[in-house]
Amino acid sequence: MNDTLERLSEVLEARKSADPDSSYVARLYAKGLDAILKKIGEEATETVMAAKDGVPERVVSEVADLWFHTLVLLAHQGLGPRQVLAELERRFGLSGLEEKANRPG
C-alpha cells in the first residue's frame, strides 16, 4: 500500500482517542457519522465545481480533501485504505459492465 495512505491511516486511527479540542479529525469523530458524511458531501461538491472550472491545481486540491474525508469515514467505520485497495485490485481486469452486473442486489 502507498506509504502516504498507510501513515495517514495510522494518524486517523490515533485521532480516535484524541481530545476533540486538540484535533479537527477528533472533533469530526466526536460529532459522529452525520457530520463526517456531510463533510464528504461538501468535498464531493467542491470537487465537481473545481473540475467544471478546469483548473488542474484546484481539482487536485479538492480531490485530496475528498480522499482525506473519505479516509476519516473509513476509520470511523473500523475500515481503512487496505480494504478499498483490495476491492480495487479484485475489480482490476473486469469490465465495468461485468463488475456492475456481478454486484449483489
PDB file of N, CA and C in Angstrom:
ATOM      1  N   MET A   1       0.859  -1.180   0.000  1.00  0.00           N
ATOM      2  CA  MET A   1       0.000   0.000   0.000  1.00  0.00           C
ATOM      3  C   MET A   1       0.899   1.234   0.000  1.00  0.00           C
ATOM      4  N   ASN A   2       0.418   2.281  -0.608  1.00  0.00           N
ATOM      5  CA  ASN A   2       1.143   3.539  -0.644  1.00  0.00           C
ATOM      6  C   ASN A   2       1.481   3.993   0.770  1.00  0.00           C
ATOM      7  N   ASP A   3       2.726   4.372   0.994  1.00  0.00           N
ATOM      8  CA  ASP A   3       3.186   4.775   2.319  1.00  0.00           C
ATOM      9  C   ASP A   3       2.396   5.964   2.866  1.00  0.00           C
ATOM     10  N   THR A   4       2.023   6.896   2.022  1.00  0.00           N
ATOM     11  CA  THR A   4       1.257   8.057   2.473  1.00  0.00           C
ATOM     12  C   THR A   4      -0.099   7.628   3.019  1.00  0.00           C
ATOM     13  N   LEU A   5      -0.775   6.739   2.328  1.00  0.00           N
ATOM     14  CA  LEU A   5      -2.072   6.254   2.809  1.00  0.00           C
ATOM     15  C   LEU A   5      -1.912   5.503   4.123  1.00  0.00           C
ATOM     16  N   GLU A   6      -0.868   4.697   4.235  1.00  0.00           N
ATOM     17  CA  GLU A   6      -0.630   3.948   5.469  1.00  0.00           C
ATOM     18  C   GLU A   6      -0.372   4.897   6.639  1.00  0.00           C
ATOM     19  N   ARG A   7       0.485   5.883   6.433  1.00  0.00           N
ATOM     20  CA  ARG A   7       0.792   6.840   7.510  1.00  0.00           C
ATOM     21  C   ARG A   7      -0.443   7.649   7.890  1.00  0.00           C
ATOM     22  N   LEU A   8      -1.194   8.089   6.904  1.00  0.00           N
ATOM     23  CA  LEU A   8      -2.411   8.854   7.184  1.00  0.00           C
ATOM     24  C   LEU A   8      -3.429   7.995   7.930  1.00  0.00           C
ATOM     25  N   SER A   9      -3.552   6.748   7.525  1.00  0.00           N
ATOM     26  CA  SER A   9      -4.462   5.830   8.200  1.00  0.00           C
ATOM     27  C   SER A   9      -4.088   5.677   9.675  1.00  0.00           C
ATOM     28  N   GLU A  10      -2.812   5.583   9.964  1.00  0.00           N
ATOM     29  CA  GLU A  10      -2.347   5.464  11.353  1.00  0.00           C
ATOM     30  C   GLU A  10      -2.675   6.725  12.153  1.00  0.00           C
ATOM     31  N   VAL A  11      -2.483   7.882  11.545  1.00  0.00           N
ATOM     32  CA  VAL A  11      -2.798   9.148  12.229  1.00  0.00           C
ATOM     33  C   VAL A  11      -4.301   9.234  12.501  1.00  0.00           C
ATOM     34  N   LEU A  12      -5.106   8.885  11.518  1.00  0.00           N
ATOM     35  CA  LEU A  12      -6.560   8.949  11.695  1.00  0.00           C
ATOM     36  C   LEU A  12      -7.016   7.998  12.796  1.00  0.00           C
ATOM     37  N   GLU A  13      -6.396   6.842  12.873  1.00  0.00           N
ATOM     38  CA  GLU A  13      -6.731   5.894  13.935  1.00  0.00           C
ATOM     39  C   GLU A  13      -6.363   6.477  15.298  1.00  0.00           C
ATOM     40  N   ALA A  14      -5.202   7.100  15.395  1.00  0.00           N
ATOM     41  CA  ALA A  14      -4.757   7.692  16.660  1.00  0.00           C
ATOM     42  C   ALA A  14      -5.677   8.830  17.094  1.00  0.00           C
ATOM     43  N   ARG A  15      -6.234   9.533  16.146  1.00  0.00           N
ATOM     44  CA  ARG A  15      -7.107  10.669  16.474  1.00  0.00           C
ATOM     45  C   ARG A  15      -8.418  10.237  17.129  1.00  0.00           C
ATOM     46  N   LYS A  16      -8.748   8.950  17.022  1.00  0.00           N
ATOM     47  CA  LYS A  16      -9.976   8.456  17.655  1.00  0.00           C
ATOM     48  C   LYS A  16      -9.955   8.678  19.165  1.00  0.00           C
ATOM     49  N   SER A  17      -8.766   8.656  19.751  1.00  0.00           N
ATOM     50  CA  SER A  17      -8.668   8.823  21.201  1.00  0.00           C
ATOM     51  C   SER A  17      -8.187  10.219  21.594  1.00  0.00           C
ATOM     52  N   ALA A  18      -8.078  11.108  20.631  1.00  0.00           N
ATOM     53  CA  ALA A  18      -7.607  12.470  20.915  1.00  0.00           C
ATOM     54  C   ALA A  18      -8.749  13.335  21.440  1.00  0.00           C
ATOM     55  N   ASP A  19      -8.368  14.381  22.131  1.00  0.00           N
ATOM     56  CA  ASP A  19      -9.317  15.376  22.631  1.00  0.00           C
ATOM     57  C   ASP A  19      -9.891  16.143  21.447  1.00  0.00           C
ATOM     58  N   PRO A  20     -11.209  16.217  21.320  1.00  0.00           N
ATOM     59  CA  PRO A  20     -11.815  16.953  20.201  1.00  0.00           C
ATOM     60  C   PRO A  20     -11.386  18.415  20.116  1.00  0.00           C
ATOM     61  N   ASP A  21     -10.956  18.997  21.231  1.00  0.00           N
ATOM     62  CA  ASP A  21     -10.484  20.382  21.191  1.00  0.00           C
ATOM     63  C   ASP A  21      -9.068  20.501  20.637  1.00  0.00           C
ATOM     64  N   SER A  22      -8.387  19.352  20.475  1.00  0.00           N
ATOM     65  CA  SER A  22      -6.997  19.388  20.032  1.00  0.00           C
ATOM     66  C   SER A  22      -6.818  18.952  18.582  1.00  0.00           C
ATOM     67  N   SER A  23      -7.892  18.459  17.947  1.00  0.00           N
ATOM     68  CA  SER A  23      -7.744  17.869  16.626  1.00  0.00           C
ATOM     69  C   SER A  23      -9.024  18.022  15.817  1.00  0.00           C
ATOM     70  N   TYR A  24      -8.880  18.479  14.584  1.00  0.00           N
ATOM     71  CA  TYR A  24     -10.013  18.587  13.669  1.00  0.00           C
ATOM     72  C   TYR A  24     -10.665  17.224  13.462  1.00  0.00           C
ATOM     73  N   VAL A  25      -9.846  16.185  13.241  1.00  0.00           N
ATOM     74  CA  VAL A  25     -10.377  14.851  12.996  1.00  0.00           C
ATOM     75  C   VAL A  25     -11.063  14.308  14.246  1.00  0.00           C
ATOM     76  N   ALA A  26     -10.467  14.506  15.412  1.00  0.00           N
ATOM     77  CA  ALA A  26     -11.102  14.066  16.658  1.00  0.00           C
ATOM     78  C   ALA A  26     -12.451  14.756  16.833  1.00  0.00           C
ATOM     79  N   ARG A  27     -12.529  16.017  16.443  1.00  0.00           N
ATOM     80  CA  ARG A  27     -13.792  16.756  16.520  1.00  0.00           C
ATOM     81  C   ARG A  27     -14.827  16.144  15.572  1.00  0.00           C
ATOM     82  N   LEU A  28     -14.398  15.768  14.367  1.00  0.00           N
ATOM     83  CA  LEU A  28     -15.321  15.118  13.432  1.00  0.00           C
ATOM     84  C   LEU A  28     -15.814  13.793  13.997  1.00  0.00           C
ATOM     85  N   TYR A  29     -14.904  12.998  14.549  1.00  0.00           N
ATOM     86  CA  TYR A  29     -15.313  11.724  15.160  1.00  0.00           C
ATOM     87  C   TYR A  29     -16.326  11.972  16.272  1.00  0.00           C
ATOM     88  N   ALA A  30     -16.067  12.977  17.097  1.00  0.00           N
ATOM     89  CA  ALA A  30     -16.955  13.271  18.231  1.00  0.00           C
ATOM     90  C   ALA A  30     -18.345  13.690  17.754  1.00  0.00           C
ATOM     91  N   LYS A  31     -18.409  14.383  16.630  1.00  0.00           N
ATOM     92  CA  LYS A  31     -19.703  14.817  16.095  1.00  0.00           C
ATOM     93  C   LYS A  31     -20.478  13.662  15.474  1.00  0.00           C
ATOM     94  N   GLY A  32     -19.768  12.606  15.087  1.00  0.00           N
ATOM     95  CA  GLY A  32     -20.429  11.404  14.609  1.00  0.00           C
ATOM     96  C   GLY A  32     -20.540  11.285  13.100  1.00  0.00           C
ATOM     97  N   LEU A  33     -21.174  10.210  12.717  1.00  0.00           N
ATOM     98  CA  LEU A  33     -21.272   9.830  11.316  1.00  0.00           C
ATOM     99  C   LEU A  33     -21.909  10.898  10.440  1.00  0.00           C
ATOM    100  N   ASP A  34     -22.987  11.506  10.895  1.00  0.00           N
ATOM    101  CA  ASP A  34     -23.667  12.501  10.060  1.00  0.00           C
ATOM    102  C   ASP A  34     -22.750  13.670   9.705  1.00  0.00           C
ATOM    103  N   ALA A  35     -21.928  14.114  10.657  1.00  0.00           N
ATOM    104  CA  ALA A  35     -21.008  15.224  10.381  1.00  0.00           C
ATOM    105  C   ALA A  35     -19.946  14.807   9.370  1.00  0.00           C
ATOM    106  N   ILE A  36     -19.468  13.586   9.492  1.00  0.00           N
ATOM    107  CA  ILE A  36     -18.466  13.082   8.541  1.00  0.00           C
ATOM    108  C   ILE A  36     -19.080  12.988   7.149  1.00  0.00           C
ATOM    109  N   LEU A  37     -20.276  12.452   7.065  1.00  0.00           N
ATOM    110  CA  LEU A  37     -20.949  12.320   5.770  1.00  0.00           C
ATOM    111  C   LEU A  37     -21.248  13.680   5.146  1.00  0.00           C
ATOM    112  N   LYS A  38     -21.642  14.621   5.965  1.00  0.00           N
ATOM    113  CA  LYS A  38     -21.899  15.977   5.469  1.00  0.00           C
ATOM    114  C   LYS A  38     -20.619  16.554   4.870  1.00  0.00           C
ATOM    115  N   LYS A  39     -19.500  16.352   5.546  1.00  0.00           N
ATOM    116  CA  LYS A  39     -18.225  16.883   5.051  1.00  0.00           C
ATOM    117  C   LYS A  39     -17.847  16.218   3.732  1.00  0.00           C
ATOM    118  N   ILE A  40     -18.073  14.923   3.617  1.00  0.00           N
ATOM    119  CA  ILE A  40     -17.785  14.232   2.353  1.00  0.00           C
ATOM    120  C   ILE A  40     -18.657  14.800   1.229  1.00  0.00           C
ATOM    121  N   GLY A  41     -19.919  15.052   1.519  1.00  0.00           N
ATOM    122  CA  GLY A  41     -20.804  15.655   0.525  1.00  0.00           C
ATOM    123  C   GLY A  41     -20.315  17.023   0.077  1.00  0.00           C
ATOM    124  N   GLU A  42     -19.873  17.827   1.040  1.00  0.00           N
ATOM    125  CA  GLU A  42     -19.341  19.153   0.705  1.00  0.00           C
ATOM    126  C   GLU A  42     -18.105  19.035  -0.178  1.00  0.00           C
ATOM    127  N   GLU A  43     -17.220  18.134   0.203  1.00  0.00           N
ATOM    128  CA  GLU A  43     -15.978  17.972  -0.566  1.00  0.00           C
ATOM    129  C   GLU A  43     -16.249  17.411  -1.960  1.00  0.00           C
ATOM    130  N   ALA A  44     -17.222  16.518  -2.072  1.00  0.00           N
ATOM    131  CA  ALA A  44     -17.577  15.986  -3.395  1.00  0.00           C
ATOM    132  C   ALA A  44     -18.113  17.100  -4.286  1.00  0.00           C
ATOM    133  N   THR A  45     -18.943  17.960  -3.724  1.00  0.00           N
ATOM    134  CA  THR A  45     -19.484  19.088  -4.482  1.00  0.00           C
ATOM    135  C   THR A  45     -18.374  20.039  -4.913  1.00  0.00           C
ATOM    136  N   GLU A  46     -17.453  20.319  -4.000  1.00  0.00           N
ATOM    137  CA  GLU A  46     -16.332  21.200  -4.337  1.00  0.00           C
ATOM    138  C   GLU A  46     -15.439  20.580  -5.407  1.00  0.00           C
ATOM    139  N   THR A  47     -15.312  19.254  -5.394  1.00  0.00           N
ATOM    140  CA  THR A  47     -14.534  18.564  -6.420  1.00  0.00           C
ATOM    141  C   THR A  47     -15.200  18.727  -7.783  1.00  0.00           C
ATOM    142  N   VAL A  48     -16.500  18.561  -7.828  1.00  0.00           N
ATOM    143  CA  VAL A  48     -17.244  18.724  -9.083  1.00  0.00           C
ATOM    144  C   VAL A  48     -17.091  20.148  -9.601  1.00  0.00           C
ATOM    145  N   MET A  49     -17.232  21.120  -8.710  1.00  0.00           N
ATOM    146  CA  MET A  49     -17.117  22.523  -9.125  1.00  0.00           C
ATOM    147  C   MET A  49     -15.714  22.829  -9.635  1.00  0.00           C
ATOM    148  N   ALA A  50     -14.697  22.296  -8.985  1.00  0.00           N
ATOM    149  CA  ALA A  50     -13.320  22.522  -9.434  1.00  0.00           C
ATOM    150  C   ALA A  50     -13.089  21.906 -10.805  1.00  0.00           C
ATOM    151  N   ALA A  51     -13.650  20.723 -11.011  1.00  0.00           N
ATOM    152  CA  ALA A  51     -13.495  20.074 -12.314  1.00  0.00           C
ATOM    153  C   ALA A  51     -14.182  20.884 -13.406  1.00  0.00           C
ATOM    154  N   LYS A  52     -15.350  21.430 -13.101  1.00  0.00           N
ATOM    155  CA  LYS A  52     -16.061  22.269 -14.081  1.00  0.00           C
ATOM    156  C   LYS A  52     -15.258  23.527 -14.403  1.00  0.00           C
ATOM    157  N   ASP A  53     -14.554  24.068 -13.395  1.00  0.00           N
ATOM    158  CA  ASP A  53     -13.735  25.266 -13.615  1.00  0.00           C
ATOM    159  C   ASP A  53     -12.495  24.950 -14.442  1.00  0.00           C
ATOM    160  N   GLY A  54     -12.056  23.701 -14.396  1.00  0.00           N
ATOM    161  CA  GLY A  54     -10.938  23.270 -15.234  1.00  0.00           C
ATOM    162  C   GLY A  54      -9.569  23.747 -14.795  1.00  0.00           C
ATOM    163  N   VAL A  55      -9.406  24.047 -13.522  1.00  0.00           N
ATOM    164  CA  VAL A  55      -8.097  24.464 -13.015  1.00  0.00           C
ATOM    165  C   VAL A  55      -7.453  23.236 -12.360  1.00  0.00           C
ATOM    166  N   PRO A  56      -6.447  22.647 -13.003  1.00  0.00           N
ATOM    167  CA  PRO A  56      -5.889  21.387 -12.518  1.00  0.00           C
ATOM    168  C   PRO A  56      -5.448  21.399 -11.048  1.00  0.00           C
ATOM    169  N   GLU A  57      -4.813  22.473 -10.620  1.00  0.00           N
ATOM    170  CA  GLU A  57      -4.342  22.537  -9.235  1.00  0.00           C
ATOM    171  C   GLU A  57      -5.502  22.486  -8.247  1.00  0.00           C
ATOM    172  N   ARG A  58      -6.590  23.129  -8.605  1.00  0.00           N
ATOM    173  CA  ARG A  58      -7.772  23.124  -7.736  1.00  0.00           C
ATOM    174  C   ARG A  58      -8.439  21.759  -7.713  1.00  0.00           C
ATOM    175  N   VAL A  59      -8.464  21.089  -8.861  1.00  0.00           N
ATOM    176  CA  VAL A  59      -9.024  19.740  -8.917  1.00  0.00           C
ATOM    177  C   VAL A  59      -8.231  18.820  -7.988  1.00  0.00           C
ATOM    178  N   VAL A  60      -6.914  18.878  -8.085  1.00  0.00           N
ATOM    179  CA  VAL A  60      -6.066  18.035  -7.236  1.00  0.00           C
ATOM    180  C   VAL A  60      -6.303  18.353  -5.763  1.00  0.00           C
ATOM    181  N   SER A  61      -6.372  19.617  -5.419  1.00  0.00           N
ATOM    182  CA  SER A  61      -6.590  20.021  -4.035  1.00  0.00           C
ATOM    183  C   SER A  61      -7.931  19.523  -3.505  1.00  0.00           C
ATOM    184  N   GLU A  62      -8.969  19.659  -4.291  1.00  0.00           N
ATOM    185  CA  GLU A  62     -10.297  19.229  -3.855  1.00  0.00           C
ATOM    186  C   GLU A  62     -10.397  17.708  -3.774  1.00  0.00           C
ATOM    187  N   VAL A  63      -9.776  17.002  -4.711  1.00  0.00           N
ATOM    188  CA  VAL A  63      -9.776  15.543  -4.638  1.00  0.00           C
ATOM    189  C   VAL A  63      -9.012  15.088  -3.397  1.00  0.00           C
ATOM    190  N   ALA A  64      -7.922  15.776  -3.059  1.00  0.00           N
ATOM    191  CA  ALA A  64      -7.187  15.444  -1.830  1.00  0.00           C
ATOM    192  C   ALA A  64      -8.089  15.623  -0.609  1.00  0.00           C
ATOM    193  N   ASP A  65      -8.854  16.700  -0.572  1.00  0.00           N
ATOM    194  CA  ASP A  65      -9.796  16.913   0.528  1.00  0.00           C
ATOM    195  C   ASP A  65     -10.848  15.799   0.576  1.00  0.00           C
ATOM    196  N   LEU A  66     -11.359  15.434  -0.582  1.00  0.00           N
ATOM    197  CA  LEU A  66     -12.373  14.383  -0.657  1.00  0.00           C
ATOM    198  C   LEU A  66     -11.799  13.048  -0.186  1.00  0.00           C
ATOM    199  N   TRP A  67     -10.622  12.701  -0.665  1.00  0.00           N
ATOM    200  CA  TRP A  67      -9.989  11.450  -0.243  1.00  0.00           C
ATOM    201  C   TRP A  67      -9.751  11.465   1.266  1.00  0.00           C
ATOM    202  N   PHE A  68      -9.250  12.587   1.771  1.00  0.00           N
ATOM    203  CA  PHE A  68      -8.970  12.690   3.208  1.00  0.00           C
ATOM    204  C   PHE A  68     -10.224  12.403   4.023  1.00  0.00           C
ATOM    205  N   HIS A  69     -11.305  13.070   3.684  1.00  0.00           N
ATOM    206  CA  HIS A  69     -12.529  12.900   4.463  1.00  0.00           C
ATOM    207  C   HIS A  69     -13.132  11.509   4.268  1.00  0.00           C
ATOM    208  N   THR A  70     -12.919  10.917   3.119  1.00  0.00           N
ATOM    209  CA  THR A  70     -13.353   9.537   2.908  1.00  0.00           C
ATOM    210  C   THR A  70     -12.536   8.587   3.783  1.00  0.00           C
ATOM    211  N   LEU A  71     -11.245   8.873   3.947  1.00  0.00           N
ATOM    212  CA  LEU A  71     -10.416   8.068   4.849  1.00  0.00           C
ATOM    213  C   LEU A  71     -10.867   8.230   6.303  1.00  0.00           C
ATOM    214  N   VAL A  72     -11.309   9.425   6.663  1.00  0.00           N
ATOM    215  CA  VAL A  72     -11.875   9.635   8.004  1.00  0.00           C
ATOM    216  C   VAL A  72     -13.102   8.736   8.178  1.00  0.00           C
ATOM    217  N   LEU A  73     -13.966   8.691   7.179  1.00  0.00           N
ATOM    218  CA  LEU A  73     -15.142   7.824   7.230  1.00  0.00           C
ATOM    219  C   LEU A  73     -14.741   6.361   7.406  1.00  0.00           C
ATOM    220  N   LEU A  74     -13.789   5.916   6.600  1.00  0.00           N
ATOM    221  CA  LEU A  74     -13.344   4.526   6.709  1.00  0.00           C
ATOM    222  C   LEU A  74     -12.859   4.219   8.117  1.00  0.00           C
ATOM    223  N   ALA A  75     -12.021   5.100   8.675  1.00  0.00           N
ATOM    224  CA  ALA A  75     -11.501   4.885  10.026  1.00  0.00           C
ATOM    225  C   ALA A  75     -12.635   4.863  11.042  1.00  0.00           C
ATOM    226  N   HIS A  76     -13.582   5.761  10.880  1.00  0.00           N
ATOM    227  CA  HIS A  76     -14.729   5.822  11.787  1.00  0.00           C
ATOM    228  C   HIS A  76     -15.506   4.507  11.767  1.00  0.00           C
ATOM    229  N   GLN A  77     -15.543   3.865  10.613  1.00  0.00           N
ATOM    230  CA  GLN A  77     -16.273   2.616  10.440  1.00  0.00           C
ATOM    231  C   GLN A  77     -15.417   1.379  10.754  1.00  0.00           C
ATOM    232  N   GLY A  78     -14.174   1.605  11.221  1.00  0.00           N
ATOM    233  CA  GLY A  78     -13.291   0.485  11.531  1.00  0.00           C
ATOM    234  C   GLY A  78     -12.664  -0.141  10.301  1.00  0.00           C
ATOM    235  N   LEU A  79     -12.609   0.627   9.236  1.00  0.00           N
ATOM    236  CA  LEU A  79     -12.031   0.182   7.973  1.00  0.00           C
ATOM    237  C   LEU A  79     -10.821   1.036   7.649  1.00  0.00           C
ATOM    238  N   GLY A  80     -10.179   0.721   6.547  1.00  0.00           N
ATOM    239  CA  GLY A  80      -9.035   1.522   6.134  1.00  0.00           C
ATOM    240  C   GLY A  80      -8.792   1.405   4.646  1.00  0.00           C
ATOM    241  N   PRO A  81      -7.767   2.083   4.179  1.00  0.00           N
ATOM    242  CA  PRO A  81      -7.478   2.066   2.747  1.00  0.00           C
ATOM    243  C   PRO A  81      -7.114   0.685   2.216  1.00  0.00           C
ATOM    244  N   ARG A  82      -6.605  -0.191   3.073  1.00  0.00           N
ATOM    245  CA  ARG A  82      -6.253  -1.542   2.603  1.00  0.00           C
ATOM    246  C   ARG A  82      -7.470  -2.257   2.011  1.00  0.00           C
ATOM    247  N   GLN A  83      -8.618  -2.121   2.672  1.00  0.00           N
ATOM    248  CA  GLN A  83      -9.819  -2.790   2.172  1.00  0.00           C
ATOM    249  C   GLN A  83     -10.253  -2.220   0.829  1.00  0.00           C
ATOM    250  N   VAL A  84     -10.149  -0.908   0.687  1.00  0.00           N
ATOM    251  CA  VAL A  84     -10.542  -0.270  -0.579  1.00  0.00           C
ATOM    252  C   VAL A  84      -9.577  -0.688  -1.688  1.00  0.00           C
ATOM    253  N   LEU A  85      -8.289  -0.678  -1.387  1.00  0.00           N
ATOM    254  CA  LEU A  85      -7.306  -1.084  -2.396  1.00  0.00           C
ATOM    255  C   LEU A  85      -7.484  -2.552  -2.776  1.00  0.00           C
ATOM    256  N   ALA A  86      -7.824  -3.396  -1.803  1.00  0.00           N
ATOM    257  CA  ALA A  86      -8.078  -4.805  -2.107  1.00  0.00           C
ATOM    258  C   ALA A  86      -9.289  -4.947  -3.021  1.00  0.00           C
ATOM    259  N   GLU A  87     -10.315  -4.144  -2.780  1.00  0.00           N
ATOM    260  CA  GLU A  87     -11.502  -4.191  -3.642  1.00  0.00           C
ATOM    261  C   GLU A  87     -11.176  -3.701  -5.053  1.00  0.00           C
ATOM    262  N   LEU A  88     -10.382  -2.652  -5.149  1.00  0.00           N
ATOM    263  CA  LEU A  88      -9.976  -2.177  -6.480  1.00  0.00           C
ATOM    264  C   LEU A  88      -9.141  -3.239  -7.195  1.00  0.00           C
ATOM    265  N   GLU A  89      -8.270  -3.895  -6.457  1.00  0.00           N
ATOM    266  CA  GLU A  89      -7.450  -4.964  -7.040  1.00  0.00           C
ATOM    267  C   GLU A  89      -8.345  -6.107  -7.524  1.00  0.00           C
ATOM    268  N   ARG A  90      -9.367  -6.444  -6.727  1.00  0.00           N
ATOM    269  CA  ARG A  90     -10.299  -7.503  -7.123  1.00  0.00           C
ATOM    270  C   ARG A  90     -10.995  -7.162  -8.438  1.00  0.00           C
ATOM    271  N   ARG A  91     -11.314  -5.895  -8.595  1.00  0.00           N
ATOM    272  CA  ARG A  91     -12.033  -5.453  -9.800  1.00  0.00           C
ATOM    273  C   ARG A  91     -11.119  -5.278 -11.003  1.00  0.00           C
ATOM    274  N   PHE A  92      -9.811  -5.193 -10.767  1.00  0.00           N
ATOM    275  CA  PHE A  92      -8.865  -4.925 -11.845  1.00  0.00           C
ATOM    276  C   PHE A  92      -8.984  -6.007 -12.910  1.00  0.00           C
ATOM    277  N   GLY A  93      -9.110  -5.592 -14.150  1.00  0.00           N
ATOM    278  CA  GLY A  93      -9.222  -6.530 -15.249  1.00  0.00           C
ATOM    279  C   GLY A  93     -10.657  -6.896 -15.604  1.00  0.00           C
ATOM    280  N   LEU A  94     -11.614  -6.548 -14.737  1.00  0.00           N
ATOM    281  CA  LEU A  94     -13.022  -6.757 -15.068  1.00  0.00           C
ATOM    282  C   LEU A  94     -13.524  -5.548 -15.843  1.00  0.00           C
ATOM    283  N   SER A  95     -14.399  -5.794 -16.779  1.00  0.00           N
ATOM    284  CA  SER A  95     -15.016  -4.637 -17.424  1.00  0.00           C
ATOM    285  C   SER A  95     -15.962  -4.008 -16.425  1.00  0.00           C
ATOM    286  N   GLY A  96     -16.177  -2.733 -16.530  1.00  0.00           N
ATOM    287  CA  GLY A  96     -17.094  -2.041 -15.638  1.00  0.00           C
ATOM    288  C   GLY A  96     -18.501  -2.622 -15.723  1.00  0.00           C
ATOM    289  N   LEU A  97     -18.922  -3.010 -16.888  1.00  0.00           N
ATOM    290  CA  LEU A  97     -20.253  -3.591 -17.062  1.00  0.00           C
ATOM    291  C   LEU A  97     -20.341  -4.956 -16.371  1.00  0.00           C
ATOM    292  N   GLU A  98     -19.286  -5.750 -16.508  1.00  0.00           N
ATOM    293  CA  GLU A  98     -19.270  -7.063 -15.861  1.00  0.00           C
ATOM    294  C   GLU A  98     -19.264  -6.918 -14.344  1.00  0.00           C
ATOM    295  N   GLU A  99     -18.444  -6.015 -13.825  1.00  0.00           N
ATOM    296  CA  GLU A  99     -18.368  -5.798 -12.375  1.00  0.00           C
ATOM    297  C   GLU A  99     -19.715  -5.352 -11.833  1.00  0.00           C
ATOM    298  N   LYS A 100     -20.362  -4.423 -12.519  1.00  0.00           N
ATOM    299  CA  LYS A 100     -21.664  -3.925 -12.071  1.00  0.00           C
ATOM    300  C   LYS A 100     -22.708  -5.037 -12.094  1.00  0.00           C
ATOM    301  N   ALA A 101     -22.699  -5.876 -13.117  1.00  0.00           N
ATOM    302  CA  ALA A 101     -23.654  -6.985 -13.234  1.00  0.00           C
ATOM    303  C   ALA A 101     -23.467  -7.996 -12.105  1.00  0.00           C
ATOM    304  N   ASN A 102     -22.262  -8.119 -11.577  1.00  0.00           N
ATOM    305  CA  ASN A 102     -21.963  -9.098 -10.530  1.00  0.00           C
ATOM    306  C   ASN A 102     -22.254  -8.583  -9.131  1.00  0.00           C
ATOM    307  N   ARG A 103     -22.629  -7.318  -8.981  1.00  0.00           N
ATOM    308  CA  ARG A 103     -22.918  -6.774  -7.653  1.00  0.00           C
ATOM    309  C   ARG A 103     -24.193  -7.369  -7.101  1.00  0.00           C
ATOM    310  N   PRO A 104     -24.202  -7.640  -5.797  1.00  0.00           N
ATOM    311  CA  PRO A 104     -25.431  -8.169  -5.192  1.00  0.00           C
ATOM    312  C   PRO A 104     -26.535  -7.110  -5.156  1.00  0.00           C
ATOM    313  N   GLY A 105     -27.768  -7.578  -5.218  1.00  0.00           N
ATOM    314  CA  GLY A 105     -28.927  -6.703  -5.067  1.00  0.00           C
ATOM    315  C   GLY A 105     -29.116  -5.790  -6.199  1.00  0.00           C
TER     316      GLY A 105
END
